[in-house]
Amino acid sequence: LQGFCAGTSTMVLVGASSLGGYPMSTSHVMSMSVLGAGVAVH
């Protein structure tokens, strides 16, 4: 559950960054998305 949520969050946010012309670190976003999904459950 958390893996799907973190992956979806990262895909949306990094994809929007690319289309907007902003360099973005995927590990940065993925780590924080995992954190958010983890806090939501445990």
PDB file of all heavy atoms in Angstrom:
ATOM      1  N   LEU A   1       0.832  -1.205   0.000  1.00  0.00           N
ATOM      2  CA  LEU A   1       0.000   0.000   0.000  1.00  0.00           C
ATOM      3  C   LEU A   1       0.867   1.255   0.000  1.00  0.00           C
ATOM      4  O   LEU A   1       0.677   2.150  -0.829  1.00  0.00           O
ATOM      5  CB  LEU A   1      -0.927  -0.020   1.224  1.00  0.00           C
ATOM      6  CG  LEU A   1      -1.943   1.114   1.358  1.00  0.00           C
ATOM      7  CD1 LEU A   1      -3.209   0.615   2.059  1.00  0.00           C
ATOM      8  CD2 LEU A   1      -1.373   2.291   2.159  1.00  0.00           C
ATOM      9  N   GLN A   2       1.829   1.314   0.926  1.00  0.00           N
ATOM     10  CA  GLN A   2       2.695   2.489   0.994  1.00  0.00           C
ATOM     11  C   GLN A   2       3.580   2.603  -0.243  1.00  0.00           C
ATOM     12  O   GLN A   2       3.865   3.697  -0.721  1.00  0.00           O
ATOM     13  CB  GLN A   2       3.565   2.441   2.250  1.00  0.00           C
ATOM     14  CG  GLN A   2       2.784   2.561   3.541  1.00  0.00           C
ATOM     15  CD  GLN A   2       2.512   1.191   4.135  1.00  0.00           C
ATOM     16  OE1 GLN A   2       2.397   0.205   3.424  1.00  0.00           O
ATOM     17  NE2 GLN A   2       2.420   1.132   5.457  1.00  0.00           N
ATOM     18  N   GLY A   3       4.014   1.444  -0.774  1.00  0.00           N
ATOM     19  CA  GLY A   3       4.851   1.471  -1.969  1.00  0.00           C
ATOM     20  C   GLY A   3       4.128   2.057  -3.167  1.00  0.00           C
ATOM     21  O   GLY A   3       4.688   2.866  -3.912  1.00  0.00           O
ATOM     22  N   PHE A   4       2.880   1.669  -3.359  1.00  0.00           N
ATOM     23  CA  PHE A   4       2.099   2.216  -4.470  1.00  0.00           C
ATOM     24  C   PHE A   4       1.863   3.711  -4.292  1.00  0.00           C
ATOM     25  O   PHE A   4       1.997   4.489  -5.239  1.00  0.00           O
ATOM     26  CB  PHE A   4       0.763   1.485  -4.570  1.00  0.00           C
ATOM     27  CG  PHE A   4      -0.221   2.144  -5.506  1.00  0.00           C
ATOM     28  CD1 PHE A   4      -0.005   2.139  -6.880  1.00  0.00           C
ATOM     29  CD2 PHE A   4      -1.334   2.795  -5.015  1.00  0.00           C
ATOM     30  CE1 PHE A   4      -0.902   2.758  -7.739  1.00  0.00           C
ATOM     31  CE2 PHE A   4      -2.229   3.416  -5.866  1.00  0.00           C
ATOM     32  CZ  PHE A   4      -2.010   3.399  -7.233  1.00  0.00           C
ATOM     33  N   CYS A   5       1.524   4.111  -3.073  1.00  0.00           N
ATOM     34  CA  CYS A   5       1.246   5.529  -2.822  1.00  0.00           C
ATOM     35  C   CYS A   5       2.496   6.387  -3.022  1.00  0.00           C
ATOM     36  O   CYS A   5       2.437   7.459  -3.642  1.00  0.00           O
ATOM     37  CB  CYS A   5       0.707   5.712  -1.406  1.00  0.00           C
ATOM     38  SG  CYS A   5      -0.889   4.943  -1.128  1.00  0.00           S
ATOM     39  N   ALA A   6       3.639   5.907  -2.515  1.00  0.00           N
ATOM     40  CA  ALA A   6       4.881   6.664  -2.669  1.00  0.00           C
ATOM     41  C   ALA A   6       5.291   6.742  -4.127  1.00  0.00           C
ATOM     42  O   ALA A   6       5.730   7.798  -4.613  1.00  0.00           O
ATOM     43  CB  ALA A   6       5.986   6.020  -1.840  1.00  0.00           C
ATOM     44  N   GLY A   7       5.174   5.620  -4.857  1.00  0.00           N
ATOM     45  CA  GLY A   7       5.540   5.628  -6.275  1.00  0.00           C
ATOM     46  C   GLY A   7       4.651   6.540  -7.097  1.00  0.00           C
ATOM     47  O   GLY A   7       5.127   7.275  -7.972  1.00  0.00           O
ATOM     48  N   THR A   8       3.343   6.510  -6.824  1.00  0.00           N
ATOM     49  CA  THR A   8       2.415   7.372  -7.558  1.00  0.00           C
ATOM     50  C   THR A   8       2.690   8.846  -7.275  1.00  0.00           C
ATOM     51  O   THR A   8       2.704   9.687  -8.190  1.00  0.00           O
ATOM     52  CB  THR A   8       0.958   7.028  -7.168  1.00  0.00           C
ATOM     53  OG1 THR A   8       0.708   5.647  -7.458  1.00  0.00           O
ATOM     54  CG2 THR A   8      -0.022   7.895  -7.941  1.00  0.00           C
ATOM     55  N   SER A   9       2.910   9.166  -6.004  1.00  0.00           N
ATOM     56  CA  SER A   9       3.228  10.546  -5.631  1.00  0.00           C
ATOM     57  C   SER A   9       4.487  11.032  -6.333  1.00  0.00           C
ATOM     58  O   SER A   9       4.520  12.147  -6.890  1.00  0.00           O
ATOM     59  CB  SER A   9       3.395  10.637  -4.116  1.00  0.00           C
ATOM     60  OG  SER A   9       3.862  11.899  -3.725  1.00  0.00           O
ATOM     61  N   THR A  10       5.525  10.202  -6.336  1.00  0.00           N
ATOM     62  CA  THR A  10       6.791  10.584  -6.971  1.00  0.00           C
ATOM     63  C   THR A  10       6.626  10.752  -8.467  1.00  0.00           C
ATOM     64  O   THR A  10       7.156  11.701  -9.066  1.00  0.00           O
ATOM     65  CB  THR A  10       7.861   9.523  -6.669  1.00  0.00           C
ATOM     66  OG1 THR A  10       7.979   9.357  -5.260  1.00  0.00           O
ATOM     67  CG2 THR A  10       9.207   9.938  -7.248  1.00  0.00           C
ATOM     68  N   MET A  11       5.905   9.833  -9.103  1.00  0.00           N
ATOM     69  CA  MET A  11       5.692   9.908 -10.550  1.00  0.00           C
ATOM     70  C   MET A  11       5.006  11.214 -10.941  1.00  0.00           C
ATOM     71  O   MET A  11       5.425  11.897 -11.882  1.00  0.00           O
ATOM     72  CB  MET A  11       4.856   8.718 -11.015  1.00  0.00           C
ATOM     73  CG  MET A  11       4.490   8.737 -12.493  1.00  0.00           C
ATOM     74  SD  MET A  11       3.525   7.282 -12.979  1.00  0.00           S
ATOM     75  CE  MET A  11       2.039   7.514 -11.989  1.00  0.00           C
ATOM     76  N   VAL A  12       3.966  11.583 -10.202  1.00  0.00           N
ATOM     77  CA  VAL A  12       3.214  12.800 -10.520  1.00  0.00           C
ATOM     78  C   VAL A  12       4.078  14.048 -10.321  1.00  0.00           C
ATOM     79  O   VAL A  12       4.137  14.934 -11.200  1.00  0.00           O
ATOM     80  CB  VAL A  12       1.939  12.881  -9.650  1.00  0.00           C
ATOM     81  CG1 VAL A  12       1.270  14.242  -9.806  1.00  0.00           C
ATOM     82  CG2 VAL A  12       0.971  11.772 -10.034  1.00  0.00           C
ATOM     83  N   LEU A  13       4.775  14.123  -9.210  1.00  0.00           N
ATOM     84  CA  LEU A  13       5.506  15.344  -8.868  1.00  0.00           C
ATOM     85  C   LEU A  13       6.764  15.523  -9.709  1.00  0.00           C
ATOM     86  O   LEU A  13       7.055  16.633 -10.168  1.00  0.00           O
ATOM     87  CB  LEU A  13       5.855  15.327  -7.379  1.00  0.00           C
ATOM     88  CG  LEU A  13       4.653  15.376  -6.434  1.00  0.00           C
ATOM     89  CD1 LEU A  13       5.096  15.241  -4.982  1.00  0.00           C
ATOM     90  CD2 LEU A  13       3.862  16.667  -6.628  1.00  0.00           C
ATOM     91  N   VAL A  14       7.527  14.452  -9.920  1.00  0.00           N
ATOM     92  CA  VAL A  14       8.731  14.569 -10.751  1.00  0.00           C
ATOM     93  C   VAL A  14       8.350  14.782 -12.209  1.00  0.00           C
ATOM     94  O   VAL A  14       9.010  15.547 -12.930  1.00  0.00           O
ATOM     95  CB  VAL A  14       9.633  13.325 -10.586  1.00  0.00           C
ATOM     96  CG1 VAL A  14      10.847  13.419 -11.514  1.00  0.00           C
ATOM     97  CG2 VAL A  14      10.099  13.186  -9.147  1.00  0.00           C
ATOM     98  N   GLY A  15       7.271  14.131 -12.664  1.00  0.00           N
ATOM     99  CA  GLY A  15       6.807  14.363 -14.035  1.00  0.00           C
ATOM    100  C   GLY A  15       6.397  15.804 -14.263  1.00  0.00           C
ATOM    101  O   GLY A  15       6.737  16.405 -15.284  1.00  0.00           O
ATOM    102  N   ALA A  16       5.670  16.385 -13.305  1.00  0.00           N
ATOM    103  CA  ALA A  16       5.276  17.793 -13.428  1.00  0.00           C
ATOM    104  C   ALA A  16       6.497  18.701 -13.427  1.00  0.00           C
ATOM    105  O   ALA A  16       6.541  19.707 -14.156  1.00  0.00           O
ATOM    106  CB  ALA A  16       4.332  18.162 -12.283  1.00  0.00           C
ATOM    107  N   SER A  17       7.514  18.347 -12.627  1.00  0.00           N
ATOM    108  CA  SER A  17       8.745  19.145 -12.595  1.00  0.00           C
ATOM    109  C   SER A  17       9.451  19.117 -13.938  1.00  0.00           C
ATOM    110  O   SER A  17       9.922  20.151 -14.435  1.00  0.00           O
ATOM    111  CB  SER A  17       9.682  18.623 -11.498  1.00  0.00           C
ATOM    112  OG  SER A  17       9.081  18.675 -10.229  1.00  0.00           O
ATOM    113  N   SER A  18       9.527  17.950 -14.557  1.00  0.00           N
ATOM    114  CA  SER A  18      10.183  17.825 -15.859  1.00  0.00           C
ATOM    115  C   SER A  18       9.469  18.650 -16.921  1.00  0.00           C
ATOM    116  O   SER A  18      10.098  19.371 -17.700  1.00  0.00           O
ATOM    117  CB  SER A  18      10.235  16.352 -16.288  1.00  0.00           C
ATOM    118  OG  SER A  18      11.050  15.596 -15.429  1.00  0.00           O
ATOM    119  N   LEU A  19       8.153  18.539 -16.951  1.00  0.00           N
ATOM    120  CA  LEU A  19       7.387  19.283 -17.956  1.00  0.00           C
ATOM    121  C   LEU A  19       7.470  20.788 -17.722  1.00  0.00           C
ATOM    122  O   LEU A  19       7.394  21.575 -18.667  1.00  0.00           O
ATOM    123  CB  LEU A  19       5.923  18.834 -17.922  1.00  0.00           C
ATOM    124  CG  LEU A  19       5.669  17.379 -18.361  1.00  0.00           C
ATOM    125  CD1 LEU A  19       4.195  17.022 -18.194  1.00  0.00           C
ATOM    126  CD2 LEU A  19       6.108  17.159 -19.803  1.00  0.00           C
ATOM    127  N   GLY A  20       7.654  21.193 -16.458  1.00  0.00           N
ATOM    128  CA  GLY A  20       7.787  22.609 -16.150  1.00  0.00           C
ATOM    129  C   GLY A  20       9.193  23.152 -16.313  1.00  0.00           C
ATOM    130  O   GLY A  20       9.416  24.351 -16.176  1.00  0.00           O
ATOM    131  N   GLY A  21      10.159  22.263 -16.604  1.00  0.00           N
ATOM    132  CA  GLY A  21      11.532  22.693 -16.814  1.00  0.00           C
ATOM    133  C   GLY A  21      12.354  22.815 -15.550  1.00  0.00           C
ATOM    134  O   GLY A  21      13.413  23.448 -15.560  1.00  0.00           O
ATOM    135  N   TYR A  22      11.899  22.201 -14.456  1.00  0.00           N
ATOM    136  CA  TYR A  22      12.623  22.292 -13.195  1.00  0.00           C
ATOM    137  C   TYR A  22      13.367  20.981 -12.923  1.00  0.00           C
ATOM    138  O   TYR A  22      12.740  19.917 -12.890  1.00  0.00           O
ATOM    139  CB  TYR A  22      11.670  22.566 -12.033  1.00  0.00           C
ATOM    140  CG  TYR A  22      11.119  23.965 -12.022  1.00  0.00           C
ATOM    141  CD1 TYR A  22       9.929  24.262 -12.664  1.00  0.00           C
ATOM    142  CD2 TYR A  22      11.806  24.991 -11.381  1.00  0.00           C
ATOM    143  CE1 TYR A  22       9.417  25.552 -12.663  1.00  0.00           C
ATOM    144  CE2 TYR A  22      11.306  26.282 -11.365  1.00  0.00           C
ATOM    145  CZ  TYR A  22      10.110  26.556 -12.011  1.00  0.00           C
ATOM    146  OH  TYR A  22       9.614  27.837 -12.018  1.00  0.00           O
ATOM    147  N   PRO A  23      14.677  21.040 -12.710  1.00  0.00           N
ATOM    148  CA  PRO A  23      15.396  19.829 -12.289  1.00  0.00           C
ATOM    149  C   PRO A  23      14.923  19.406 -10.909  1.00  0.00           C
ATOM    150  O   PRO A  23      14.722  20.243 -10.029  1.00  0.00           O
ATOM    151  CB  PRO A  23      16.865  20.263 -12.279  1.00  0.00           C
ATOM    152  CG  PRO A  23      16.832  21.751 -12.132  1.00  0.00           C
ATOM    153  CD  PRO A  23      15.574  22.208 -12.802  1.00  0.00           C
ATOM    154  N   MET A  24      14.743  18.095 -10.714  1.00  0.00           N
ATOM    155  CA  MET A  24      14.197  17.591  -9.456  1.00  0.00           C
ATOM    156  C   MET A  24      14.831  16.246  -9.131  1.00  0.00           C
ATOM    157  O   MET A  24      15.012  15.414 -10.021  1.00  0.00           O
ATOM    158  CB  MET A  24      12.674  17.447  -9.561  1.00  0.00           C
ATOM    159  CG  MET A  24      11.986  16.960  -8.298  1.00  0.00           C
ATOM    160  SD  MET A  24      12.296  18.005  -6.854  1.00  0.00           S
ATOM    161  CE  MET A  24      11.706  19.590  -7.453  1.00  0.00           C
ATOM    162  N   SER A  25      15.154  16.037  -7.857  1.00  0.00           N
ATOM    163  CA  SER A  25      15.744  14.777  -7.419  1.00  0.00           C
ATOM    164  C   SER A  25      14.651  13.771  -7.089  1.00  0.00           C
ATOM    165  O   SER A  25      13.834  14.002  -6.193  1.00  0.00           O
ATOM    166  CB  SER A  25      16.624  15.003  -6.192  1.00  0.00           C
ATOM    167  OG  SER A  25      17.073  13.763  -5.689  1.00  0.00           O
ATOM    168  N   THR A  26      14.648  12.648  -7.805  1.00  0.00           N
ATOM    169  CA  THR A  26      13.644  11.624  -7.566  1.00  0.00           C
ATOM    170  C   THR A  26      13.799  10.995  -6.188  1.00  0.00           C
ATOM    171  O   THR A  26      12.812  10.704  -5.509  1.00  0.00           O
ATOM    172  CB  THR A  26      13.737  10.534  -8.653  1.00  0.00           C
ATOM    173  OG1 THR A  26      13.643  11.153  -9.935  1.00  0.00           O
ATOM    174  CG2 THR A  26      12.616   9.519  -8.506  1.00  0.00           C
ATOM    175  N   SER A  27      15.042  10.767  -5.747  1.00  0.00           N
ATOM    176  CA  SER A  27      15.239  10.175  -4.424  1.00  0.00           C
ATOM    177  C   SER A  27      14.733  11.106  -3.322  1.00  0.00           C
ATOM    178  O   SER A  27      14.215  10.659  -2.298  1.00  0.00           O
ATOM    179  CB  SER A  27      16.723   9.864  -4.194  1.00  0.00           C
ATOM    180  OG  SER A  27      17.491  11.050  -4.129  1.00  0.00           O
ATOM    181  N   HIS A  28      14.883  12.408  -3.550  1.00  0.00           N
ATOM    182  CA  HIS A  28      14.379  13.423  -2.618  1.00  0.00           C
ATOM    183  C   HIS A  28      12.869  13.274  -2.439  1.00  0.00           C
ATOM    184  O   HIS A  28      12.355  13.177  -1.324  1.00  0.00           O
ATOM    185  CB  HIS A  28      14.711  14.792  -3.221  1.00  0.00           C
ATOM    186  CG  HIS A  28      14.715  15.912  -2.230  1.00  0.00           C
ATOM    187  ND1 HIS A  28      15.315  17.126  -2.512  1.00  0.00           N
ATOM    188  CD2 HIS A  28      14.194  16.050  -0.995  1.00  0.00           C
ATOM    189  CE1 HIS A  28      15.165  17.941  -1.478  1.00  0.00           C
ATOM    190  NE2 HIS A  28      14.487  17.309  -0.551  1.00  0.00           N
ATOM    191  N   VAL A  29      12.165  13.227  -3.575  1.00  0.00           N
ATOM    192  CA  VAL A  29      10.704  13.153  -3.538  1.00  0.00           C
ATOM    193  C   VAL A  29      10.243  11.778  -3.054  1.00  0.00           C
ATOM    194  O   VAL A  29       9.297  11.672  -2.265  1.00  0.00           O
ATOM    195  CB  VAL A  29      10.116  13.470  -4.927  1.00  0.00           C
ATOM    196  CG1 VAL A  29       8.602  13.410  -4.890  1.00  0.00           C
ATOM    197  CG2 VAL A  29      10.568  14.849  -5.398  1.00  0.00           C
ATOM    198  N   MET A  30      10.912  10.712  -3.521  1.00  0.00           N
ATOM    199  CA  MET A  30      10.512   9.363  -3.122  1.00  0.00           C
ATOM    200  C   MET A  30      10.664   9.163  -1.614  1.00  0.00           C
ATOM    201  O   MET A  30       9.782   8.588  -0.960  1.00  0.00           O
ATOM    202  CB  MET A  30      11.340   8.326  -3.880  1.00  0.00           C
ATOM    203  CG  MET A  30      11.066   6.871  -3.471  1.00  0.00           C
ATOM    204  SD  MET A  30       9.376   6.329  -3.823  1.00  0.00           S
ATOM    205  CE  MET A  30       9.556   5.838  -5.547  1.00  0.00           C
ATOM    206  N   SER A  31      11.775   9.613  -1.050  1.00  0.00           N
ATOM    207  CA  SER A  31      11.990   9.451   0.384  1.00  0.00           C
ATOM    208  C   SER A  31      10.891  10.131   1.184  1.00  0.00           C
ATOM    209  O   SER A  31      10.354   9.563   2.148  1.00  0.00           O
ATOM    210  CB  SER A  31      13.351  10.035   0.783  1.00  0.00           C
ATOM    211  OG  SER A  31      14.402   9.359   0.145  1.00  0.00           O
ATOM    212  N   MET A  32      10.543  11.353   0.798  1.00  0.00           N
ATOM    213  CA  MET A  32       9.508  12.083   1.525  1.00  0.00           C
ATOM    214  C   MET A  32       8.117  11.497   1.275  1.00  0.00           C
ATOM    215  O   MET A  32       7.256  11.526   2.168  1.00  0.00           O
ATOM    216  CB  MET A  32       9.533  13.559   1.132  1.00  0.00           C
ATOM    217  CG  MET A  32      10.789  14.290   1.576  1.00  0.00           C
ATOM    218  SD  MET A  32      11.007  14.338   3.392  1.00  0.00           S
ATOM    219  CE  MET A  32      12.197  13.006   3.639  1.00  0.00           C
ATOM    220  N   SER A  33       7.890  10.941   0.089  1.00  0.00           N
ATOM    221  CA  SER A  33       6.605  10.287  -0.181  1.00  0.00           C
ATOM    222  C   SER A  33       6.459   9.011   0.642  1.00  0.00           C
ATOM    223  O   SER A  33       5.374   8.701   1.149  1.00  0.00           O
ATOM    224  CB  SER A  33       6.478   9.973  -1.675  1.00  0.00           C
ATOM    225  OG  SER A  33       6.481  11.149  -2.458  1.00  0.00           O
ATOM    226  N   VAL A  34       7.564   8.252   0.782  1.00  0.00           N
ATOM    227  CA  VAL A  34       7.560   7.077   1.655  1.00  0.00           C
ATOM    228  C   VAL A  34       7.278   7.505   3.093  1.00  0.00           C
ATOM    229  O   VAL A  34       6.507   6.856   3.824  1.00  0.00           O
ATOM    230  CB  VAL A  34       8.904   6.324   1.562  1.00  0.00           C
ATOM    231  CG1 VAL A  34       9.033   5.300   2.689  1.00  0.00           C
ATOM    232  CG2 VAL A  34       9.035   5.634   0.215  1.00  0.00           C
ATOM    233  N   LEU A  35       7.890   8.599   3.512  1.00  0.00           N
ATOM    234  CA  LEU A  35       7.661   9.116   4.858  1.00  0.00           C
ATOM    235  C   LEU A  35       6.190   9.451   5.065  1.00  0.00           C
ATOM    236  O   LEU A  35       5.582   9.076   6.077  1.00  0.00           O
ATOM    237  CB  LEU A  35       8.525  10.354   5.086  1.00  0.00           C
ATOM    238  CG  LEU A  35       8.322  11.106   6.408  1.00  0.00           C
ATOM    239  CD1 LEU A  35       8.680  10.206   7.588  1.00  0.00           C
ATOM    240  CD2 LEU A  35       9.149  12.379   6.436  1.00  0.00           C
ATOM    241  N   GLY A  36       5.587  10.163   4.115  1.00  0.00           N
ATOM    242  CA  GLY A  36       4.174  10.526   4.236  1.00  0.00           C
ATOM    243  C   GLY A  36       3.261   9.314   4.274  1.00  0.00           C
ATOM    244  O   GLY A  36       2.334   9.251   5.100  1.00  0.00           O
ATOM    245  N   ALA A  37       3.531   8.333   3.391  1.00  0.00           N
ATOM    246  CA  ALA A  37       2.709   7.127   3.370  1.00  0.00           C
ATOM    247  C   ALA A  37       2.888   6.318   4.650  1.00  0.00           C
ATOM    248  O   ALA A  37       1.931   5.711   5.161  1.00  0.00           O
ATOM    249  CB  ALA A  37       3.069   6.275   2.150  1.00  0.00           C
ATOM    250  N   GLY A  38       4.106   6.295   5.193  1.00  0.00           N
ATOM    251  CA  GLY A  38       4.356   5.572   6.435  1.00  0.00           C
ATOM    252  C   GLY A  38       3.666   6.213   7.625  1.00  0.00           C
ATOM    253  O   GLY A  38       3.061   5.528   8.454  1.00  0.00           O
ATOM    254  N   VAL A  39       3.741   7.533   7.710  1.00  0.00           N
ATOM    255  CA  VAL A  39       3.090   8.252   8.815  1.00  0.00           C
ATOM    256  C   VAL A  39       1.578   8.045   8.773  1.00  0.00           C
ATOM    257  O   VAL A  39       0.910   7.969   9.812  1.00  0.00           O
ATOM    258  CB  VAL A  39       3.442   9.754   8.748  1.00  0.00           C
ATOM    259  CG1 VAL A  39       2.576  10.562   9.708  1.00  0.00           C
ATOM    260  CG2 VAL A  39       4.912   9.962   9.069  1.00  0.00           C
ATOM    261  N   ALA A  40       1.027   7.926   7.570  1.00  0.00           N
ATOM    262  CA  ALA A  40      -0.422   7.765   7.431  1.00  0.00           C
ATOM    263  C   ALA A  40      -0.915   6.459   8.024  1.00  0.00           C
ATOM    264  O   ALA A  40      -2.066   6.372   8.477  1.00  0.00           O
ATOM    265  CB  ALA A  40      -0.808   7.836   5.951  1.00  0.00           C
ATOM    266  N   VAL A  41      -0.075   5.415   8.043  1.00  0.00           N
ATOM    267  CA  VAL A  41      -0.513   4.095   8.498  1.00  0.00           C
ATOM    268  C   VAL A  41       0.105   3.711   9.842  1.00  0.00           C
ATOM    269  O   VAL A  41      -0.598   3.350  10.784  1.00  0.00           O
ATOM    270  CB  VAL A  41      -0.178   3.031   7.427  1.00  0.00           C
ATOM    271  CG1 VAL A  41      -0.680   1.660   7.875  1.00  0.00           C
ATOM    272  CG2 VAL A  41      -0.810   3.398   6.088  1.00  0.00           C
ATOM    273  N   HIS A  42       1.435   3.785   9.938  1.00  0.00           N
ATOM    274  CA  HIS A  42       2.118   3.398  11.174  1.00  0.00           C
ATOM    275  C   HIS A  42       3.217   4.426  11.490  1.00  0.00           C
ATOM    276  O   HIS A  42       4.396   4.174  11.250  1.00  0.00           O
ATOM    277  CB  HIS A  42       2.736   2.005  11.047  1.00  0.00           C
ATOM    278  CG  HIS A  42       1.735   0.915  10.820  1.00  0.00           C
ATOM    279  ND1 HIS A  42       0.805   0.548  11.767  1.00  0.00           N
ATOM    280  CD2 HIS A  42       1.518   0.114   9.741  1.00  0.00           C
ATOM    281  CE1 HIS A  42       0.054  -0.436  11.291  1.00  0.00           C
ATOM    282  NE2 HIS A  42       0.460  -0.716  10.073  1.00  0.00           N
TER     283      HIS A  42
END
